[in-house]
Amino acid sequence: MASPARPIVSTLGSDVIGSLQSLLGTIVIAVFVITFIVQAFQIPSQSMENTLLVGDYLLVNKLCYGGSAMGNFLMPYQKIHRGDIVVFHYPVDPTQHFVKRVIGVPGDRLRMINKKVWINGKPLEEPYVRFLEPPNNMFRDNFPRVDLPVLGMEGKWWLEMRKLVEDGQLIVPAGNYFVMGDNRDDSQDSRYWGFVPRENIIGRPLLIYWSVKPVYTDPPAGRLQHVAYSMTHFFEITRWNRTLRLIH
């Protein structure tokens, strides 16, 4: 006796359900990774040149420093060290994300003399730093200065800084970090707006997953047009020597 035919509709329905379950699982994993593990970040300014360039797209490790129940449970977190590059919520406007290098950690006594950073009475070796101009900015290049506020400096920071300077050195308080850009002569950083609280730090950049050359001719206006321009000129605008580069 012939066996009954297998219902085609039921088979198709099972395949569709299986595909939807697989897609949903992928979405859940992606959301988990983006929420807890890594975050994409684009370099918007020249303040970290030549370490990071405008047009670099980064993946940021959000677990490396822990600080949350999820991060501490999954892996032992690292301490934030002097010299680390960090992504953080800008203290003046936490909706903005900044990337800078940690120069002073809690307890450090920091000063700059003719652009040279001194930490706890010893000069700091900084092979990553880029200088554009000779020493001629009394506030930027000789820090801290408590005798003059400067254009672009946050008023609240000006008042706070004056209370934390002893013997010409700025004392980094507990739970805070002093950060600066590698492009020292073109960086709005802790010199101008103050410390980064520990809770503002998101993580550490891991990888440049894509890097784009500067576009000297304006691409078409609008987000969709810009995406279309990037896709049609992908091989032309990509900086291949920087793409997939690990960040140290």
Protein backbone atom coordinates (compact mmCIF):
# COMPACT_ATOMS: atom_id res chain seq x y z
CA MET A 1 0.00 0.00 0.00
CA ALA A 2 1.44 3.40 -1.02
CA SER A 3 2.34 5.79 1.81
CA PRO A 4 0.48 9.10 1.92
CA ALA A 5 2.20 12.04 0.23
CA ARG A 6 3.98 14.53 2.48
CA PRO A 7 2.13 17.85 2.60
CA ILE A 8 4.11 20.44 0.61
CA VAL A 9 2.59 23.38 2.50
CA SER A 10 3.72 21.94 5.82
CA THR A 11 7.29 21.48 4.54
CA LEU A 12 7.44 25.02 3.18
CA GLY A 13 6.04 26.36 6.43
CA SER A 14 8.71 24.54 8.43
CA ASP A 15 11.44 25.90 6.17
CA VAL A 16 10.15 29.46 6.56
CA ILE A 17 9.91 29.10 10.34
CA GLY A 18 13.43 27.66 10.47
CA SER A 19 14.79 30.53 8.38
CA LEU A 20 13.04 33.09 10.57
CA GLN A 21 14.40 31.46 13.71
CA SER A 22 17.92 31.51 12.26
CA LEU A 23 17.56 35.17 11.26
CA LEU A 24 16.20 36.08 14.69
CA GLY A 25 19.08 34.27 16.38
CA THR A 26 21.57 36.19 14.23
CA ILE A 27 19.89 39.49 15.09
CA VAL A 28 19.92 38.68 18.81
CA ILE A 29 23.63 37.81 18.70
CA ALA A 30 24.40 40.98 16.73
CA VAL A 31 22.46 43.15 19.19
CA PHE A 32 24.24 41.47 22.12
CA VAL A 33 27.66 42.03 20.56
CA ILE A 34 26.93 45.68 19.72
CA THR A 35 25.40 46.34 23.15
CA PHE A 36 27.95 44.62 25.39
CA ILE A 37 31.13 43.73 23.50
CA VAL A 38 32.08 46.05 20.63
CA GLN A 39 30.95 49.36 19.22
CA ALA A 40 31.68 50.99 15.88
CA PHE A 41 33.20 54.46 15.99
CA GLN A 42 34.32 56.91 13.30
CA ILE A 43 37.23 59.33 13.70
CA PRO A 44 35.76 62.79 13.08
CA SER A 45 38.75 65.10 13.71
CA GLN A 46 42.51 65.43 13.35
CA SER A 47 43.26 65.44 17.09
CA MET A 48 44.75 61.90 17.13
CA GLU A 49 46.90 62.14 14.00
CA ASN A 50 49.01 60.35 12.98
CA THR A 51 47.86 57.43 15.15
CA LEU A 52 44.25 57.72 14.01
CA LEU A 53 43.16 59.64 10.93
CA VAL A 54 39.94 61.27 9.84
CA GLY A 55 38.11 58.55 7.92
CA ASP A 56 39.25 55.65 10.12
CA TYR A 57 36.38 53.41 11.24
CA LEU A 58 37.09 51.62 14.53
CA LEU A 59 35.78 48.70 16.50
CA VAL A 60 35.91 49.54 20.21
CA ASN A 61 36.28 46.83 22.86
CA LYS A 62 33.68 47.69 25.53
CA LEU A 63 34.62 44.82 27.86
CA CYS A 64 38.35 45.36 28.31
CA TYR A 65 38.01 47.72 31.29
CA GLY A 66 34.99 46.04 32.84
CA GLY A 67 33.17 48.28 35.23
CA SER A 68 29.83 46.52 34.65
CA ALA A 69 28.38 43.27 35.91
CA MET A 70 28.37 41.83 32.39
CA GLY A 71 31.97 42.80 31.66
CA ASN A 72 33.34 41.57 34.98
CA PHE A 73 31.48 38.26 34.68
CA LEU A 74 32.67 37.41 31.17
CA MET A 75 36.36 38.23 31.56
CA PRO A 76 38.85 39.78 33.99
CA TYR A 77 38.96 43.47 33.24
CA GLN A 78 42.11 45.52 32.76
CA LYS A 79 43.14 48.65 34.56
CA ILE A 80 43.31 51.85 32.57
CA HIS A 81 46.98 52.62 32.04
CA ARG A 82 48.85 55.71 31.05
CA GLY A 83 49.28 55.60 27.27
CA ASP A 84 46.00 53.76 26.56
CA ILE A 85 43.80 55.12 23.78
CA VAL A 86 40.22 55.32 25.04
CA VAL A 87 36.78 56.18 23.68
CA PHE A 88 34.58 58.04 26.16
CA HIS A 89 31.52 60.19 26.63
CA TYR A 90 32.63 63.83 26.39
CA PRO A 91 32.20 65.18 29.95
CA VAL A 92 30.81 68.52 28.75
CA ASP A 93 28.22 66.85 26.48
CA PRO A 94 27.88 63.09 27.21
CA THR A 95 25.90 62.56 23.99
CA GLN A 96 29.17 63.00 22.08
CA HIS A 97 31.90 60.34 21.87
CA PHE A 98 35.57 61.37 21.92
CA VAL A 99 38.78 59.39 21.47
CA LYS A 100 42.02 60.49 23.17
CA ARG A 101 45.08 59.03 24.87
CA VAL A 102 45.34 58.68 28.65
CA ILE A 103 48.22 60.82 29.91
CA GLY A 104 47.49 61.07 33.63
CA VAL A 105 45.92 58.47 35.94
CA PRO A 106 44.55 59.02 39.47
CA GLY A 107 47.24 60.33 41.81
CA ASP A 108 49.57 61.57 39.06
CA ARG A 109 51.13 65.00 39.31
CA LEU A 110 51.22 66.39 35.77
CA ARG A 111 52.77 69.38 34.07
CA MET A 112 53.99 70.44 30.60
CA ILE A 113 57.10 72.49 29.90
CA ASN A 114 57.68 73.59 26.30
CA LYS A 115 55.32 70.81 25.09
CA LYS A 116 57.10 68.12 27.09
CA VAL A 117 54.89 66.20 29.53
CA TRP A 118 56.26 65.51 33.00
CA ILE A 119 54.57 62.96 35.28
CA ASN A 120 55.52 62.83 38.95
CA GLY A 121 58.70 64.77 38.25
CA LYS A 122 59.87 62.58 35.33
CA PRO A 123 59.62 63.27 31.58
CA LEU A 124 57.10 61.08 29.75
CA GLU A 125 58.33 59.30 26.62
CA GLU A 126 55.74 59.85 23.88
CA PRO A 127 56.90 58.58 20.46
CA TYR A 128 53.32 58.83 19.16
CA VAL A 129 53.04 62.62 19.55
CA ARG A 130 52.84 64.93 16.55
CA PHE A 131 53.76 68.61 16.72
CA LEU A 132 52.81 71.18 14.10
CA GLU A 133 54.04 74.45 15.58
CA PRO A 134 57.00 75.71 17.63
CA PRO A 135 56.32 76.33 21.34
CA ASN A 136 54.50 79.66 21.35
CA ASN A 137 51.21 79.04 23.15
CA MET A 138 51.76 79.76 26.82
CA PHE A 139 48.69 77.82 27.97
CA ARG A 140 48.75 74.88 25.55
CA ASP A 141 52.49 74.21 25.69
CA ASN A 142 53.16 75.12 29.34
CA PHE A 143 50.43 73.56 31.41
CA PRO A 144 48.88 74.14 33.90
CA ARG A 145 48.67 77.92 33.89
CA VAL A 146 46.47 79.40 36.61
CA ASP A 147 47.12 83.03 35.71
CA LEU A 148 45.19 83.20 32.45
CA PRO A 149 42.01 81.63 31.05
CA VAL A 150 42.09 81.07 27.28
CA LEU A 151 39.61 81.09 24.42
CA GLY A 152 37.74 77.79 24.20
CA MET A 153 38.40 76.80 27.80
CA GLU A 154 35.45 75.65 29.91
CA GLY A 155 34.77 78.09 32.73
CA LYS A 156 33.90 75.34 35.20
CA TRP A 157 37.20 73.59 34.46
CA TRP A 158 39.13 76.84 34.88
CA LEU A 159 37.78 77.18 38.43
CA GLU A 160 38.30 73.48 39.26
CA MET A 161 41.83 73.35 37.87
CA ARG A 162 43.04 76.23 40.04
CA LYS A 163 42.17 74.22 43.16
CA LEU A 164 44.12 71.14 42.02
CA VAL A 165 47.47 72.74 41.20
CA GLU A 166 50.35 72.44 43.66
CA ASP A 167 53.93 73.54 42.93
CA GLY A 168 52.99 74.07 39.29
CA GLN A 169 51.68 70.51 38.92
CA LEU A 170 48.10 69.37 38.31
CA ILE A 171 47.02 66.55 40.65
CA VAL A 172 44.72 64.00 38.99
CA PRO A 173 41.98 63.13 41.52
CA ALA A 174 40.69 59.62 42.24
CA GLY A 175 38.32 58.19 39.67
CA ASN A 176 39.44 60.59 36.93
CA TYR A 177 41.83 60.60 33.97
CA PHE A 178 43.68 63.32 32.10
CA VAL A 179 43.60 62.77 28.33
CA MET A 180 45.18 64.47 25.33
CA GLY A 181 45.26 64.03 21.58
CA ASP A 182 48.42 62.80 19.88
CA ASN A 183 48.22 65.82 17.56
CA ARG A 184 49.12 68.09 20.46
CA ASP A 185 48.91 71.42 18.66
CA ASP A 186 45.43 70.72 17.27
CA SER A 187 43.54 68.96 20.05
CA GLN A 188 40.78 70.17 22.34
CA ASP A 189 41.41 67.88 25.31
CA SER A 190 41.71 67.79 29.10
CA ARG A 191 43.78 70.95 29.04
CA TYR A 192 40.66 72.84 27.92
CA TRP A 193 37.72 70.99 29.50
CA GLY A 194 39.06 68.85 32.33
CA PHE A 195 39.19 65.25 33.47
CA VAL A 196 37.34 62.22 32.12
CA PRO A 197 35.47 60.43 34.94
CA ARG A 198 35.95 56.65 35.02
CA GLU A 199 32.26 56.05 34.36
CA ASN A 200 32.47 58.02 31.08
CA ILE A 201 35.01 55.65 29.54
CA ILE A 202 33.39 53.25 27.05
CA GLY A 203 36.36 51.15 26.02
CA ARG A 204 39.53 50.83 24.00
CA PRO A 205 39.80 50.79 20.18
CA LEU A 206 40.78 47.37 18.85
CA LEU A 207 40.85 47.56 15.09
CA ILE A 208 40.53 49.91 12.14
CA TYR A 209 38.05 47.85 10.15
CA TRP A 210 37.87 50.37 7.30
CA SER A 211 39.70 53.55 6.42
CA VAL A 212 38.61 56.10 3.83
CA LYS A 213 40.73 58.65 2.01
CA PRO A 214 39.73 62.32 2.27
CA VAL A 215 37.26 63.19 -0.48
CA TYR A 216 38.42 66.43 -2.05
CA THR A 217 35.38 66.74 -4.31
CA ASP A 218 32.15 66.97 -2.37
CA PRO A 219 30.07 63.81 -2.61
CA PRO A 220 26.37 64.19 -3.34
CA ALA A 221 24.45 65.72 -0.42
CA GLY A 222 22.30 63.53 1.79
CA ARG A 223 22.93 60.34 3.72
CA LEU A 224 21.61 57.90 1.11
CA GLN A 225 23.51 59.65 -1.66
CA HIS A 226 26.66 59.56 0.46
CA VAL A 227 26.27 55.80 1.04
CA ALA A 228 25.73 55.30 -2.70
CA TYR A 229 28.84 57.35 -3.46
CA SER A 230 30.93 55.28 -1.02
CA MET A 231 29.70 52.00 -2.51
CA THR A 232 30.36 53.04 -6.12
CA HIS A 233 33.82 54.42 -5.26
CA PHE A 234 34.72 51.79 -2.64
CA PHE A 235 38.03 50.65 -4.15
CA GLU A 236 39.03 54.19 -5.01
CA ILE A 237 38.47 55.77 -1.58
CA THR A 238 39.61 52.91 0.68
CA ARG A 239 43.01 53.29 2.37
CA TRP A 240 44.02 49.65 2.10
CA ASN A 241 47.23 50.09 4.09
CA ARG A 242 45.15 51.09 7.15
CA THR A 243 42.14 48.80 6.76
CA LEU A 244 42.11 45.87 9.22
CA ARG A 245 45.00 47.38 11.19
CA LEU A 246 45.24 46.63 14.91
CA ILE A 247 45.47 49.68 17.16
CA HIS A 248 48.29 49.75 19.72
